[in-house]
């Protein structure tokens, strides 16, 4: 195993977030900065803002968190009436400045900037086509390919809306995109609606906002209007909001993992409160996998609503037995080897006074590789826990995601390589249970549609995966447990992400 593999995450990693605003007379760059901060949980690798001033588009982007990339001076330099922004967790193109978004492209003398949440599955096909048209590509990302494709088709049709629509017919995969020209904001979504995108209206008719989640609308005081429909294009400028159907919509396949982990709990997706969904997951799990215990704990932060639901349904007391250090996350300050050996304690710390001699039910959102769960269980035992029963509010993650989430091979997934009992033994808990897929679906009673992308649980992909990608990604390992043990040792010699 190499160092890169040893640093693989042990949770489903956030994909990205987009934000757009059309608000003449307002400080659109600052509004976008606040919107991106509200969406920071979806990506911490890079951040960028592009602003249109009626004549040109100016962009500022860099590696790092929103607060590391932007300051008063950089925001003051971004003046205009329309803006788009992006925070990124790399899914293609790597962690380089060129891969940071928004991507700038030129259509004759007109500039556009595009930001993308999701992943395209036919990127190589698109890149080959674009290169054959003598169009230069710099970043190596699917988002750049989409921006160049829109530019090409806009030159041919002389209308940006038509350029977007023609590009949507050619690109395949998951996408929610926002795009700005010097004076107009566009938003569009893939025909399955895999990735979310919401429209909001600013007070007093000041303008409109697009955001990956409604928490991005809330922070700038925008009132939620509706979700962008699958395959829809919205154009926002001085004429207001105009809707077009860019491509025919297909069977809905919104990512069900948004409700489990990705979205902020205060967001509402397709009419469903994320917080209430997570509480309901805990209640369902308590009915499906009861156990006699003294306390229910939630692994901060995404496990806490589920733990509250489990406690309410089971009648077992809930307690804050695990404290999260909220200032340790993705950081560019590398810990020493001595600190690296503390592992999970850099982010989580138990309360021995609460846990000593207690039988614990621990609620977490998912298990991907298993190493973090193993370390968490050992940490709780070291704090004095008598029993640790692990309960997971998502089904077993058995298949890789190709739509914007960082799991690209079955060989990375513990549930695809071990039996249930082998997983329990490796993690070291007294019992292990996952919510059923039927139970997860039942936890979303307010969702406005009944269909989701559940490919990570079932292997049923709404958008076909190219055979060249699937051939390697669907392989499992014969010696997964041994490799994980080797990874534990190697983690002591490499820096944390």
Protein backbone atom coordinates (compact mmCIF):
# COMPACT_ATOMS: atom_id res chain seq x y z
CA UNK A 1 0.00 0.00 0.00
CA UNK A 2 1.29 3.46 -0.88
CA UNK A 3 1.06 6.65 1.14
CA UNK A 4 -1.73 8.06 -1.02
CA UNK A 5 -3.94 5.05 -0.30
CA UNK A 6 -3.16 5.23 3.41
CA UNK A 7 -4.57 8.75 3.47
CA UNK A 8 -7.92 7.72 1.98
CA UNK A 9 -10.88 9.07 3.97
CA UNK A 10 -12.99 6.82 6.17
CA UNK A 11 -16.22 8.67 5.46
CA UNK A 12 -17.98 9.50 2.24
CA UNK A 13 -16.30 12.79 1.32
CA UNK A 14 -18.29 15.89 0.41
CA UNK A 15 -18.50 16.63 -3.28
CA UNK A 16 -18.59 20.45 -3.83
CA UNK A 17 -20.95 23.40 -3.53
CA UNK A 18 -22.05 26.17 -5.87
CA UNK A 19 -23.56 29.58 -5.19
CA UNK A 20 -24.80 32.29 -7.52
CA UNK A 21 -26.43 35.69 -7.04
CA UNK A 22 -27.94 38.34 -9.30
CA UNK A 23 -28.49 41.50 -7.27
CA UNK A 24 -27.75 44.84 -8.99
CA UNK A 25 -26.62 47.47 -6.51
CA UNK A 26 -25.64 44.91 -3.85
CA UNK A 27 -22.20 43.69 -2.82
CA UNK A 28 -22.53 40.42 -4.72
CA UNK A 29 -18.95 39.29 -3.99
CA UNK A 30 -19.47 39.60 -0.23
CA UNK A 31 -22.84 37.86 -0.45
CA UNK A 32 -21.21 35.03 -2.38
CA UNK A 33 -18.43 34.80 0.21
CA UNK A 34 -21.01 34.40 3.00
CA UNK A 35 -22.93 31.87 0.93
CA UNK A 36 -19.79 29.81 0.40
CA UNK A 37 -19.01 29.89 4.11
CA UNK A 38 -22.45 28.42 4.79
CA UNK A 39 -21.64 25.68 2.26
CA UNK A 40 -18.04 25.13 3.42
CA UNK A 41 -18.90 21.66 4.78
CA UNK A 42 -19.24 20.42 1.18
CA UNK A 43 -15.64 21.19 0.21
CA UNK A 44 -12.56 22.56 1.93
CA UNK A 45 -9.84 22.23 -0.69
CA UNK A 46 -10.33 25.40 -2.70
CA UNK A 47 -12.67 28.37 -3.04
CA UNK A 48 -13.40 30.85 -5.79
CA UNK A 49 -15.68 33.73 -6.81
CA UNK A 50 -16.31 35.22 -10.26
CA UNK A 51 -18.13 38.56 -10.67
CA UNK A 52 -19.68 40.13 -13.77
CA UNK A 53 -19.78 43.92 -14.00
CA UNK A 54 -21.75 44.26 -17.24
CA UNK A 55 -18.69 44.26 -19.48
CA UNK A 56 -16.35 41.57 -18.19
CA UNK A 57 -16.01 38.75 -15.68
CA UNK A 58 -13.31 38.95 -12.98
CA UNK A 59 -12.33 35.88 -10.98
CA UNK A 60 -10.48 35.27 -7.70
CA UNK A 61 -9.74 31.71 -6.55
CA UNK A 62 -7.14 29.78 -4.61
CA UNK A 63 -6.49 26.67 -2.54
CA UNK A 64 -7.79 26.77 1.02
CA UNK A 65 -10.92 27.55 3.00
CA UNK A 66 -13.14 30.50 2.10
CA UNK A 67 -11.69 32.60 4.93
CA UNK A 68 -8.15 31.76 3.78
CA UNK A 69 -8.80 32.70 0.15
CA UNK A 70 -10.78 35.94 0.62
CA UNK A 71 -10.23 39.07 2.68
CA UNK A 72 -11.52 42.65 2.62
CA UNK A 73 -9.12 43.69 -0.13
CA UNK A 74 -9.86 40.78 -2.46
CA UNK A 75 -13.62 41.18 -2.02
CA UNK A 76 -13.44 44.92 -2.63
CA UNK A 77 -11.77 44.23 -5.98
CA UNK A 78 -14.72 42.13 -7.13
CA UNK A 79 -17.32 44.69 -8.13
CA UNK A 80 -20.42 43.93 -10.18
CA UNK A 81 -24.09 42.92 -10.23
CA UNK A 82 -23.83 39.14 -10.70
CA UNK A 83 -21.54 36.50 -9.20
CA UNK A 84 -20.95 32.76 -8.92
CA UNK A 85 -18.88 30.95 -6.31
CA UNK A 86 -17.57 27.50 -5.56
CA UNK A 87 -15.99 25.43 -2.79
CA UNK A 88 -14.31 22.24 -3.84
CA UNK A 89 -13.45 18.79 -2.67
CA UNK A 90 -11.43 17.32 -5.51
CA UNK A 91 -13.12 14.50 -7.43
CA UNK A 92 -11.24 14.98 -10.70
CA UNK A 93 -8.19 17.02 -11.65
CA UNK A 94 -6.43 16.85 -8.30
CA UNK A 95 -5.72 19.57 -5.77
CA UNK A 96 -4.18 22.21 -8.03
CA UNK A 97 -4.89 25.90 -8.54
CA UNK A 98 -5.91 25.19 -12.14
CA UNK A 99 -8.55 22.75 -10.90
CA UNK A 100 -10.05 25.30 -8.51
CA UNK A 101 -13.32 26.81 -9.66
CA UNK A 102 -15.07 28.78 -11.12
CA UNK A 103 -13.58 28.07 -14.56
CA UNK A 104 -13.22 31.03 -16.89
CA UNK A 105 -13.90 30.63 -20.60
CA UNK A 106 -14.22 33.02 -23.54
CA UNK A 107 -16.94 33.12 -26.18
CA UNK A 108 -15.46 35.43 -28.80
CA UNK A 109 -15.14 38.67 -26.77
CA UNK A 110 -17.52 37.60 -23.99
CA UNK A 111 -16.28 35.89 -20.84
CA UNK A 112 -18.19 33.31 -18.82
CA UNK A 113 -17.36 31.61 -15.51
CA UNK A 114 -18.79 28.23 -14.51
CA UNK A 115 -18.95 26.40 -11.17
CA UNK A 116 -19.96 22.74 -10.93
CA UNK A 117 -21.08 20.37 -8.18
CA UNK A 118 -20.94 16.73 -9.23
CA UNK A 119 -18.93 14.55 -11.59
CA UNK A 120 -19.33 13.75 -15.28
CA UNK A 121 -18.81 10.12 -16.27
CA UNK A 122 -17.84 10.79 -19.91
CA UNK A 123 -15.11 13.35 -19.25
CA UNK A 124 -12.51 11.65 -21.45
CA UNK A 125 -14.93 11.53 -24.37
CA UNK A 126 -15.65 15.23 -23.91
CA UNK A 127 -11.98 16.13 -23.64
CA UNK A 128 -11.16 14.20 -26.81
CA UNK A 129 -13.98 15.98 -28.65
CA UNK A 130 -12.95 19.41 -27.39
CA UNK A 131 -9.29 18.81 -28.28
CA UNK A 132 -10.33 17.71 -31.78
CA UNK A 133 -11.93 21.15 -32.15
CA UNK A 134 -8.53 22.78 -31.39
CA UNK A 135 -9.76 24.13 -28.05
CA UNK A 136 -7.09 24.21 -25.33
CA UNK A 137 -7.71 22.53 -21.98
CA UNK A 138 -5.61 23.46 -18.95
CA UNK A 139 -7.10 22.06 -15.74
CA UNK A 140 -7.87 18.43 -16.58
CA UNK A 141 -11.28 18.58 -14.85
CA UNK A 142 -14.74 17.67 -16.03
CA UNK A 143 -15.91 21.16 -15.02
CA UNK A 144 -13.44 22.82 -17.37
CA UNK A 145 -14.56 20.50 -20.16
CA UNK A 146 -18.18 21.55 -19.56
CA UNK A 147 -17.24 25.25 -19.64
CA UNK A 148 -15.32 24.88 -22.91
CA UNK A 149 -18.15 22.85 -24.45
CA UNK A 150 -20.70 25.52 -23.54
CA UNK A 151 -18.43 28.13 -25.08
CA UNK A 152 -18.09 26.17 -28.33
CA UNK A 153 -21.83 25.62 -28.73
CA UNK A 154 -22.63 29.23 -27.82
CA UNK A 155 -20.33 30.41 -30.60
CA UNK A 156 -22.21 28.17 -33.02
CA UNK A 157 -25.74 29.10 -31.89
CA UNK A 158 -25.05 32.75 -30.87
CA UNK A 159 -27.16 32.27 -27.73
CA UNK A 160 -25.72 31.28 -24.36
CA UNK A 161 -28.92 29.48 -23.38
CA UNK A 162 -28.72 27.36 -26.54
CA UNK A 163 -25.05 26.69 -25.89
CA UNK A 164 -25.88 25.40 -22.41
CA UNK A 165 -28.74 23.25 -23.73
CA UNK A 166 -26.59 21.67 -26.44
CA UNK A 167 -23.83 20.97 -23.93
CA UNK A 168 -26.36 19.35 -21.56
CA UNK A 169 -27.30 16.94 -24.34
CA UNK A 170 -23.69 15.82 -24.64
CA UNK A 171 -22.50 15.64 -21.04
CA UNK A 172 -23.40 12.63 -18.89
CA UNK A 173 -23.29 12.24 -15.14
CA UNK A 174 -24.25 14.31 -12.12
CA UNK A 175 -24.18 18.08 -12.19
CA UNK A 176 -25.66 21.18 -10.67
CA UNK A 177 -23.97 24.15 -12.31
CA UNK A 178 -24.10 27.92 -12.04
CA UNK A 179 -22.68 30.17 -14.73
CA UNK A 180 -22.25 33.90 -15.06
CA UNK A 181 -21.75 36.10 -18.08
CA UNK A 182 -20.98 39.79 -17.53
CA UNK A 183 -24.68 40.52 -16.86
CA UNK A 184 -26.65 37.28 -16.45
CA UNK A 185 -26.78 34.34 -14.03
CA UNK A 186 -27.65 30.82 -15.20
CA UNK A 187 -28.33 27.66 -13.22
CA UNK A 188 -28.92 24.16 -14.59
CA UNK A 189 -29.20 20.61 -13.29
CA UNK A 190 -28.70 17.11 -14.69
CA UNK A 191 -31.80 15.29 -16.03
CA UNK A 192 -31.93 12.91 -13.05
CA UNK A 193 -31.56 15.68 -10.44
CA UNK A 194 -28.74 13.78 -8.72
CA UNK A 195 -27.08 16.88 -7.25
CA UNK A 196 -29.21 19.56 -5.52
CA UNK A 197 -29.75 23.18 -6.54
CA UNK A 198 -32.21 25.65 -5.00
CA UNK A 199 -33.55 29.07 -6.02
CA UNK A 200 -34.17 31.88 -3.55
CA UNK A 201 -35.39 35.47 -3.76
CA UNK A 202 -33.78 38.39 -1.91
CA UNK A 203 -35.97 40.80 0.12
CA UNK A 204 -37.59 43.85 -1.49
CA UNK A 205 -37.10 42.50 -5.01
CA UNK A 206 -33.32 43.03 -4.84
CA UNK A 207 -32.52 39.89 -6.83
CA UNK A 208 -32.19 36.13 -6.79
CA UNK A 209 -29.84 33.49 -5.40
CA UNK A 210 -28.92 29.93 -6.44
CA UNK A 211 -27.30 27.57 -3.93
CA UNK A 212 -26.51 23.89 -3.48
CA UNK A 213 -28.43 23.91 -0.19
CA UNK A 214 -31.05 26.15 1.38
CA UNK A 215 -28.64 27.03 4.21
CA UNK A 216 -26.77 29.03 1.54
CA UNK A 217 -29.95 30.99 0.88
CA UNK A 218 -30.63 31.55 4.57
CA UNK A 219 -27.31 33.20 5.33
CA UNK A 220 -27.93 36.03 2.83
CA UNK A 221 -31.58 36.45 3.82
CA UNK A 222 -33.04 34.93 0.65
CA UNK A 223 -36.49 33.32 0.75
CA UNK A 224 -36.61 29.80 -0.67
CA UNK A 225 -38.66 29.76 -3.88
CA UNK A 226 -38.20 26.25 -5.27
CA UNK A 227 -35.70 23.60 -6.32
CA UNK A 228 -34.38 23.73 -9.87
CA UNK A 229 -36.03 20.88 -11.78
CA UNK A 230 -34.02 18.05 -13.37
CA UNK A 231 -32.85 19.07 -16.84
CA UNK A 232 -33.98 22.69 -16.30
CA UNK A 233 -32.08 25.87 -17.16
CA UNK A 234 -32.93 29.10 -15.34
CA UNK A 235 -31.74 32.46 -16.65
CA UNK A 236 -31.69 35.38 -14.20
CA UNK A 237 -31.11 39.00 -15.22
CA UNK A 238 -33.00 42.29 -15.36
CA UNK A 239 -35.93 40.46 -17.01
CA UNK A 240 -36.33 38.28 -13.90
CA UNK A 241 -36.22 34.48 -13.72
CA UNK A 242 -36.89 32.70 -17.00
CA UNK A 243 -37.08 28.89 -17.14
CA UNK A 244 -36.22 26.59 -20.05
CA UNK A 245 -36.12 22.81 -20.29
CA UNK A 246 -32.55 22.21 -21.45
CA UNK A 247 -32.88 18.43 -21.74
CA UNK A 248 -35.76 16.07 -21.12
CA UNK A 249 -35.98 15.03 -17.47
CA UNK A 250 -35.47 11.37 -16.60
CA UNK A 251 -36.57 9.28 -13.63
CA UNK A 252 -35.66 11.14 -10.45
CA UNK A 253 -32.48 9.94 -8.77
CA UNK A 254 -31.57 12.54 -6.14
CA UNK A 255 -28.59 11.43 -4.04
CA UNK A 256 -30.00 9.81 -0.90
CA UNK A 257 -26.68 10.32 0.89
CA UNK A 258 -27.36 14.05 0.99
CA UNK A 259 -29.85 13.30 3.77
CA UNK A 260 -27.51 10.90 5.57
CA UNK A 261 -24.34 12.99 5.66
CA UNK A 262 -23.56 15.66 3.06
CA UNK A 263 -26.19 18.32 3.62
CA UNK A 264 -26.21 20.59 6.66
CA UNK A 265 -28.96 19.59 9.10
CA UNK A 266 -30.66 22.99 8.77
CA UNK A 267 -31.10 22.56 5.01
CA UNK A 268 -34.29 21.44 3.25
CA UNK A 269 -33.90 19.26 0.14
CA UNK A 270 -36.89 18.57 -2.11
CA UNK A 271 -39.23 19.56 0.71
CA UNK A 272 -37.58 17.32 3.31
CA UNK A 273 -35.89 18.75 6.41
CA UNK A 274 -32.47 17.12 6.67
CA UNK A 275 -32.52 17.35 10.47
CA UNK A 276 -35.92 15.69 10.78
CA UNK A 277 -34.85 12.98 8.33
CA UNK A 278 -31.79 12.15 10.44
CA UNK A 279 -33.85 12.01 13.63
CA UNK A 280 -36.28 9.67 11.89
CA UNK A 281 -33.38 7.46 10.74
CA UNK A 282 -32.41 7.04 14.38
CA UNK A 283 -35.98 6.11 15.33
CA UNK A 284 -36.19 3.53 12.53
CA UNK A 285 -32.82 2.10 13.53
CA UNK A 286 -33.96 1.77 17.15
CA UNK A 287 -36.90 -0.32 15.95
CA UNK A 288 -34.81 -2.39 13.53
CA UNK A 289 -31.76 -2.99 15.77
CA UNK A 290 -32.60 -2.60 19.47
CA UNK A 291 -30.06 -3.39 22.16
CA UNK A 292 -30.05 -3.17 25.95
CA UNK A 293 -27.72 -0.37 27.02
CA UNK A 294 -27.27 2.59 29.39
CA UNK A 295 -26.56 5.53 27.06
CA UNK A 296 -26.98 6.60 23.44
CA UNK A 297 -24.18 8.71 21.92
CA UNK A 298 -23.92 10.43 18.54
CA UNK A 299 -20.63 10.79 16.69
CA UNK A 300 -20.38 14.56 16.03
CA UNK A 301 -21.79 16.13 14.04
CA UNK A 302 -23.85 14.11 11.58
CA UNK A 303 -24.54 11.26 14.03
CA UNK A 304 -26.17 13.45 16.68
CA UNK A 305 -29.68 13.86 15.19
CA UNK A 306 -29.85 10.12 14.61
CA UNK A 307 -28.74 9.49 18.19
CA UNK A 308 -31.49 11.78 19.49
CA UNK A 309 -34.03 9.87 17.45
CA UNK A 310 -32.70 6.51 18.61
CA UNK A 311 -32.82 7.63 22.25
CA UNK A 312 -36.39 8.92 21.96
CA UNK A 313 -37.66 5.75 20.29
CA UNK A 314 -35.79 3.34 22.60
CA UNK A 315 -36.31 5.22 25.85
CA UNK A 316 -32.56 5.01 26.56
CA UNK A 317 -30.91 8.20 27.78
CA UNK A 318 -28.99 10.35 25.30
CA UNK A 319 -25.70 11.89 26.43
CA UNK A 320 -22.95 14.06 24.96
CA UNK A 321 -20.16 11.58 25.58
CA UNK A 322 -17.97 12.57 22.63
CA UNK A 323 -16.70 16.15 22.23
CA UNK A 324 -15.62 17.44 18.83
CA UNK A 325 -12.77 19.90 18.39
CA UNK A 326 -14.39 22.20 15.84
CA UNK A 327 -11.14 23.90 14.93
CA UNK A 328 -9.44 20.76 13.66
CA UNK A 329 -10.50 19.83 10.15
CA UNK A 330 -8.75 20.14 6.85
CA UNK A 331 -5.70 22.15 7.72
CA UNK A 332 -2.44 23.04 6.01
CA UNK A 333 -0.56 22.81 9.32
CA UNK A 334 0.74 19.26 9.51
CA UNK A 335 0.82 17.51 12.91
CA UNK A 336 4.01 15.98 14.24
CA UNK A 337 4.41 12.20 14.19
CA UNK A 338 3.65 12.12 17.91
CA UNK A 339 0.35 13.93 17.30
CA UNK A 340 -0.43 11.77 14.27
CA UNK A 341 -0.28 8.70 16.47
CA UNK A 342 -3.15 10.12 18.49
CA UNK A 343 -5.24 9.67 15.34
CA UNK A 344 -8.92 10.32 15.92
CA UNK A 345 -8.24 12.27 19.15
CA UNK A 346 -7.19 15.23 17.02
CA UNK A 347 -10.89 15.66 16.21
CA UNK A 348 -12.85 13.78 18.88
CA UNK A 349 -12.37 13.35 22.62
CA UNK A 350 -14.43 11.17 24.98
CA UNK A 351 -15.78 12.13 28.41
CA UNK A 352 -14.62 9.39 30.81
CA UNK A 353 -16.86 10.72 33.60
CA UNK A 354 -19.89 10.04 31.38
CA UNK A 355 -18.73 6.79 29.79
CA UNK A 356 -17.09 4.85 32.63
CA UNK A 357 -18.68 1.40 33.17
CA UNK A 358 -21.49 2.25 30.75
CA UNK A 359 -23.00 0.15 27.97
CA UNK A 360 -23.02 2.48 24.97
CA UNK A 361 -25.04 2.67 21.77
CA UNK A 362 -22.99 4.78 19.36
CA UNK A 363 -24.72 6.26 16.30
CA UNK A 364 -22.69 7.19 13.21
CA UNK A 365 -23.69 8.12 9.67
CA UNK A 366 -21.72 5.53 7.68
CA UNK A 367 -18.76 3.18 7.53
CA UNK A 368 -16.57 3.32 4.43
CA UNK A 369 -13.18 1.78 5.19
CA UNK A 370 -13.61 0.98 8.88
CA UNK A 371 -10.43 2.38 10.35
CA UNK A 372 -12.04 5.40 11.99
CA UNK A 373 -14.78 3.24 13.50
CA UNK A 374 -12.14 0.87 14.87
CA UNK A 375 -10.21 3.72 16.48
CA UNK A 376 -13.40 5.27 17.83
CA UNK A 377 -14.46 2.04 19.53
CA UNK A 378 -11.02 1.59 21.08
CA UNK A 379 -11.03 5.21 22.28
CA UNK A 380 -14.39 4.67 24.00
CA UNK A 381 -13.14 1.48 25.66
CA UNK A 382 -10.02 3.31 26.84
CA UNK A 383 -12.35 5.90 28.38
CA UNK A 384 -13.98 3.17 30.47
CA UNK A 385 -16.94 2.00 28.37
CA UNK A 386 -18.07 -1.50 29.33
CA UNK A 387 -19.79 -2.26 26.00
CA UNK A 388 -19.88 -0.47 22.66
CA UNK A 389 -22.75 -1.19 20.25
CA UNK A 390 -22.31 0.54 16.91
CA UNK A 391 -25.42 1.57 14.96
CA UNK A 392 -25.21 3.14 11.49
CA UNK A 393 -27.98 5.28 9.98
CA UNK A 394 -27.13 4.26 6.41
CA UNK A 395 -27.09 0.81 4.83
CA UNK A 396 -23.76 -0.87 4.08
CA UNK A 397 -21.80 1.09 1.45
CA UNK A 398 -21.12 -1.67 -1.06
CA UNK A 399 -20.47 0.12 -4.35
CA UNK A 400 -18.35 3.10 -5.48
CA UNK A 401 -19.88 6.44 -6.44
CA UNK A 402 -19.09 8.07 -9.79
CA UNK A 403 -21.29 11.13 -9.33
CA UNK A 404 -19.20 13.42 -7.15
CA UNK A 405 -18.35 11.44 -4.01
CA UNK A 406 -14.85 10.21 -3.23
CA UNK A 407 -15.22 6.42 -3.41
CA UNK A 408 -14.06 5.12 -6.76
CA UNK A 409 -13.37 1.40 -6.23
CA UNK A 410 -15.06 -1.45 -4.35
CA UNK A 411 -11.63 -2.41 -3.04
CA UNK A 412 -11.83 0.65 -0.74
CA UNK A 413 -15.11 -0.40 0.89
CA UNK A 414 -15.06 -2.63 3.96
CA UNK A 415 -18.65 -3.86 3.48
CA UNK A 416 -17.83 -5.05 -0.05
CA UNK A 417 -14.88 -7.10 1.20
CA UNK A 418 -15.97 -8.52 4.58
CA UNK A 419 -18.94 -10.33 6.03
CA UNK A 420 -20.99 -8.56 8.67
CA UNK A 421 -19.33 -10.54 11.45
CA UNK A 422 -15.86 -9.88 10.04
CA UNK A 423 -16.62 -6.15 10.06
CA UNK A 424 -17.78 -6.30 13.67
CA UNK A 425 -14.68 -8.22 14.72
CA UNK A 426 -12.33 -5.88 12.86
CA UNK A 427 -13.94 -2.75 14.32
CA UNK A 428 -13.97 -4.33 17.77
CA UNK A 429 -17.51 -3.41 18.82
CA UNK A 430 -19.84 -5.69 20.77
CA UNK A 431 -22.51 -5.48 18.08
CA UNK A 432 -22.92 -3.78 14.73
CA UNK A 433 -26.09 -2.95 12.80
CA UNK A 434 -27.02 -0.82 9.79
CA UNK A 435 -30.38 0.68 8.90
CA UNK A 436 -32.17 -1.17 6.10
CA UNK A 437 -32.61 0.52 2.74
CA UNK A 438 -36.37 0.34 3.24
CA UNK A 439 -35.94 2.00 6.63
CA UNK A 440 -33.81 4.77 5.14
CA UNK A 441 -36.42 5.48 2.48
CA UNK A 442 -39.15 5.54 5.13
CA UNK A 443 -37.17 8.21 6.98
CA UNK A 444 -37.91 10.74 4.20
CA UNK A 445 -41.70 11.13 4.42
CA UNK A 446 -41.77 14.78 3.35
CA UNK A 447 -39.66 14.38 0.21
CA UNK A 448 -41.58 15.56 -2.86
CA UNK A 449 -40.56 12.57 -4.98
CA UNK A 450 -40.13 8.84 -4.25
CA UNK A 451 -36.97 8.05 -6.22
CA UNK A 452 -33.32 8.38 -5.21
CA UNK A 453 -29.86 7.45 -6.39
CA UNK A 454 -28.98 4.55 -4.08
CA UNK A 455 -26.12 3.18 -6.17
CA UNK A 456 -23.63 3.16 -3.29
CA UNK A 457 -25.91 0.65 -1.52
CA UNK A 458 -27.32 -1.32 -4.46
CA UNK A 459 -24.99 -0.97 -7.45
CA UNK A 460 -27.92 0.26 -9.54
CA UNK A 461 -26.52 3.32 -11.34
CA UNK A 462 -28.99 5.79 -12.90
CA UNK A 463 -26.36 6.96 -15.42
CA UNK A 464 -24.39 4.20 -17.15
CA UNK A 465 -20.74 3.96 -16.14
CA UNK A 466 -18.22 3.51 -19.02
CA UNK A 467 -16.93 -0.09 -19.13
CA UNK A 468 -13.30 1.05 -18.90
CA UNK A 469 -14.06 2.71 -15.56
CA UNK A 470 -16.31 -0.01 -14.19
CA UNK A 471 -13.87 -2.82 -14.95
CA UNK A 472 -11.32 -1.67 -12.37
CA UNK A 473 -13.66 0.09 -9.96
CA UNK A 474 -15.88 -2.94 -9.28
CA UNK A 475 -13.07 -5.23 -8.16
CA UNK A 476 -12.81 -6.28 -4.51
CA UNK A 477 -9.83 -7.47 -2.47
CA UNK A 478 -9.13 -10.91 -1.07
CA UNK A 479 -6.97 -9.60 1.77
CA UNK A 480 -8.86 -6.47 2.82
CA UNK A 481 -8.46 -7.00 6.59
CA UNK A 482 -4.71 -7.50 6.29
CA UNK A 483 -4.39 -4.39 4.14
CA UNK A 484 -6.33 -2.31 6.67
CA UNK A 485 -4.01 -3.45 9.44
CA UNK A 486 -1.01 -2.47 7.31
CA UNK A 487 -2.68 0.86 6.65
CA UNK A 488 -3.00 1.49 10.40
CA UNK A 489 0.75 1.10 10.75
CA UNK A 490 1.48 3.26 7.72
CA UNK A 491 -0.77 6.02 9.01
CA UNK A 492 1.70 6.55 11.82
CA UNK A 493 4.33 7.64 9.27
CA UNK A 494 2.32 9.93 6.99
CA UNK A 495 0.56 13.20 7.67
CA UNK A 496 -3.18 13.53 8.08
CA UNK A 497 -5.17 15.34 5.39
